[in-house]
Amino acid sequence: MVYKLPLFEGYTVDVRLRQFRSIFNKKLEFVDFKSPKGEELLNKYINSLDPKSKEFKLLIKYL
């Protein structure tokens, strides 16, 4: 099954690998959920989700 990863604030959210990913100026950026920047992004992302959504349920499953 193909699953399209969600986008948040310019980052691709990979909950399975617990990372935010992005490409800025042809450079890849990986931000782990447990890093200071990752924790900030993760909190914003969680607060933006509907608790009934598939994205929220998947996120909770992998946290």
N, C-alpha and C. Protein backbone atom coordinates (compact mmCIF):
# COMPACT_ATOMS: atom_id res chain seq x y z
N MET A 1 0.84 -1.17 0.00
CA MET A 1 0.00 0.00 0.00
C MET A 1 0.89 1.24 0.00
N VAL A 2 0.54 2.22 -0.79
CA VAL A 2 1.27 3.47 -0.87
C VAL A 2 0.60 4.48 0.05
N TYR A 3 1.41 5.16 0.87
CA TYR A 3 0.89 6.14 1.80
C TYR A 3 1.64 7.45 1.57
N LYS A 4 0.92 8.52 1.32
CA LYS A 4 1.52 9.83 1.12
C LYS A 4 1.79 10.44 2.49
N LEU A 5 3.06 10.80 2.73
CA LEU A 5 3.42 11.39 4.02
C LEU A 5 2.87 12.81 4.11
N PRO A 6 2.40 13.19 5.29
CA PRO A 6 1.85 14.53 5.46
C PRO A 6 2.94 15.60 5.46
N LEU A 7 2.53 16.82 5.12
CA LEU A 7 3.43 17.97 5.15
C LEU A 7 3.00 18.89 6.28
N PHE A 8 4.01 19.51 6.91
CA PHE A 8 3.74 20.47 7.98
C PHE A 8 4.86 21.50 8.00
N GLU A 9 4.49 22.76 7.84
CA GLU A 9 5.42 23.89 7.86
C GLU A 9 6.63 23.65 6.96
N GLY A 10 6.40 23.10 5.79
CA GLY A 10 7.47 22.87 4.82
C GLY A 10 8.25 21.58 5.03
N TYR A 11 7.88 20.82 6.02
CA TYR A 11 8.55 19.55 6.32
C TYR A 11 7.64 18.38 5.98
N THR A 12 8.23 17.30 5.51
CA THR A 12 7.53 16.04 5.37
C THR A 12 7.61 15.35 6.72
N VAL A 13 6.50 14.85 7.21
CA VAL A 13 6.44 14.24 8.53
C VAL A 13 6.45 12.72 8.35
N ASP A 14 7.51 12.07 8.86
CA ASP A 14 7.60 10.62 8.82
C ASP A 14 7.50 10.10 10.25
N VAL A 15 6.30 9.72 10.67
CA VAL A 15 6.10 9.29 12.05
C VAL A 15 6.74 7.94 12.31
N ARG A 16 6.84 7.11 11.30
CA ARG A 16 7.44 5.79 11.47
C ARG A 16 8.92 5.91 11.85
N LEU A 17 9.63 6.84 11.20
CA LEU A 17 11.04 7.08 11.51
C LEU A 17 11.25 8.19 12.53
N ARG A 18 10.14 8.81 12.96
CA ARG A 18 10.16 9.89 13.95
C ARG A 18 11.05 11.05 13.50
N GLN A 19 10.76 11.55 12.28
CA GLN A 19 11.54 12.64 11.72
C GLN A 19 10.68 13.61 10.93
N PHE A 20 11.15 14.85 10.90
CA PHE A 20 10.67 15.84 9.94
C PHE A 20 11.79 15.94 8.91
N ARG A 21 11.41 16.03 7.64
CA ARG A 21 12.41 16.12 6.57
C ARG A 21 12.06 17.25 5.63
N SER A 22 13.11 17.88 5.10
CA SER A 22 12.88 18.95 4.15
C SER A 22 14.12 19.14 3.28
N ILE A 23 13.91 19.85 2.19
CA ILE A 23 15.01 20.23 1.31
C ILE A 23 15.01 21.74 1.23
N PHE A 24 16.10 22.36 1.69
CA PHE A 24 16.29 23.80 1.61
C PHE A 24 17.58 24.06 0.85
N ASN A 25 17.51 24.87 -0.18
CA ASN A 25 18.70 25.22 -0.97
C ASN A 25 19.49 23.99 -1.41
N LYS A 26 18.78 22.98 -1.90
CA LYS A 26 19.35 21.74 -2.40
C LYS A 26 20.06 20.92 -1.32
N LYS A 27 19.77 21.18 -0.05
CA LYS A 27 20.35 20.41 1.04
C LYS A 27 19.22 19.73 1.81
N LEU A 28 19.44 18.45 2.10
CA LEU A 28 18.47 17.71 2.89
C LEU A 28 18.62 18.07 4.36
N GLU A 29 17.49 18.20 5.04
CA GLU A 29 17.50 18.45 6.48
C GLU A 29 16.63 17.39 7.14
N PHE A 30 17.20 16.72 8.12
CA PHE A 30 16.48 15.72 8.91
C PHE A 30 16.42 16.23 10.34
N VAL A 31 15.22 16.32 10.89
CA VAL A 31 15.02 16.79 12.25
C VAL A 31 14.32 15.68 13.03
N ASP A 32 15.04 15.07 13.97
CA ASP A 32 14.47 14.02 14.79
C ASP A 32 13.44 14.60 15.76
N PHE A 33 12.40 13.84 16.04
CA PHE A 33 11.37 14.29 16.97
C PHE A 33 11.97 14.61 18.34
N LYS A 34 13.03 13.91 18.73
CA LYS A 34 13.59 14.10 20.08
C LYS A 34 14.63 15.21 20.16
N SER A 35 14.86 15.93 19.09
CA SER A 35 15.77 17.07 19.12
C SER A 35 14.98 18.29 19.59
N PRO A 36 15.66 19.36 20.05
CA PRO A 36 14.92 20.56 20.48
C PRO A 36 14.02 21.13 19.39
N LYS A 37 14.54 21.24 18.17
CA LYS A 37 13.72 21.75 17.06
C LYS A 37 12.59 20.78 16.74
N GLY A 38 12.90 19.48 16.79
CA GLY A 38 11.90 18.46 16.50
C GLY A 38 10.76 18.45 17.51
N GLU A 39 11.11 18.63 18.78
CA GLU A 39 10.07 18.67 19.82
C GLU A 39 9.14 19.86 19.62
N GLU A 40 9.71 20.99 19.24
CA GLU A 40 8.89 22.18 18.99
C GLU A 40 7.96 21.96 17.80
N LEU A 41 8.50 21.43 16.70
CA LEU A 41 7.68 21.15 15.52
C LEU A 41 6.62 20.10 15.83
N LEU A 42 7.00 19.07 16.58
CA LEU A 42 6.07 17.99 16.90
C LEU A 42 4.90 18.51 17.74
N ASN A 43 5.18 19.36 18.71
CA ASN A 43 4.10 19.94 19.52
C ASN A 43 3.15 20.76 18.66
N LYS A 44 3.69 21.57 17.76
CA LYS A 44 2.85 22.37 16.86
C LYS A 44 2.03 21.45 15.95
N TYR A 45 2.67 20.39 15.45
CA TYR A 45 2.00 19.46 14.55
C TYR A 45 0.85 18.76 15.27
N ILE A 46 1.11 18.26 16.48
CA ILE A 46 0.07 17.56 17.25
C ILE A 46 -1.12 18.49 17.50
N ASN A 47 -0.83 19.74 17.87
CA ASN A 47 -1.91 20.70 18.15
C ASN A 47 -2.70 21.08 16.91
N SER A 48 -2.12 20.88 15.74
CA SER A 48 -2.82 21.23 14.50
C SER A 48 -3.73 20.11 14.00
N LEU A 49 -3.57 18.92 14.55
CA LEU A 49 -4.32 17.75 14.08
C LEU A 49 -5.65 17.59 14.79
N ASP A 50 -6.62 17.07 14.05
CA ASP A 50 -7.91 16.67 14.63
C ASP A 50 -7.69 15.31 15.31
N PRO A 51 -8.02 15.17 16.58
CA PRO A 51 -7.82 13.90 17.28
C PRO A 51 -8.53 12.71 16.63
N LYS A 52 -9.49 12.96 15.77
CA LYS A 52 -10.20 11.88 15.09
C LYS A 52 -9.58 11.52 13.75
N SER A 53 -8.55 12.26 13.32
CA SER A 53 -7.96 12.05 11.99
C SER A 53 -7.03 10.83 11.96
N LYS A 54 -6.82 10.30 10.77
CA LYS A 54 -5.91 9.18 10.58
C LYS A 54 -4.48 9.56 10.96
N GLU A 55 -4.09 10.79 10.62
CA GLU A 55 -2.74 11.25 10.92
C GLU A 55 -2.48 11.25 12.43
N PHE A 56 -3.46 11.72 13.20
CA PHE A 56 -3.33 11.76 14.66
C PHE A 56 -3.21 10.34 15.22
N LYS A 57 -4.07 9.44 14.77
CA LYS A 57 -4.05 8.06 15.26
C LYS A 57 -2.74 7.37 14.91
N LEU A 58 -2.21 7.62 13.72
CA LEU A 58 -0.94 7.03 13.32
C LEU A 58 0.21 7.60 14.16
N LEU A 59 0.17 8.89 14.40
CA LEU A 59 1.20 9.55 15.20
C LEU A 59 1.23 8.97 16.61
N ILE A 60 0.09 8.83 17.23
CA ILE A 60 0.01 8.29 18.59
C ILE A 60 0.51 6.84 18.63
N LYS A 61 0.24 6.11 17.58
CA LYS A 61 0.69 4.72 17.51
C LYS A 61 2.21 4.61 17.56
N TYR A 62 2.91 5.53 16.90
CA TYR A 62 4.37 5.47 16.81
C TYR A 62 5.09 6.27 17.89
N LEU A 63 4.37 7.02 18.69
CA LEU A 63 5.05 7.76 19.76
C LEU A 63 5.07 6.93 20.98
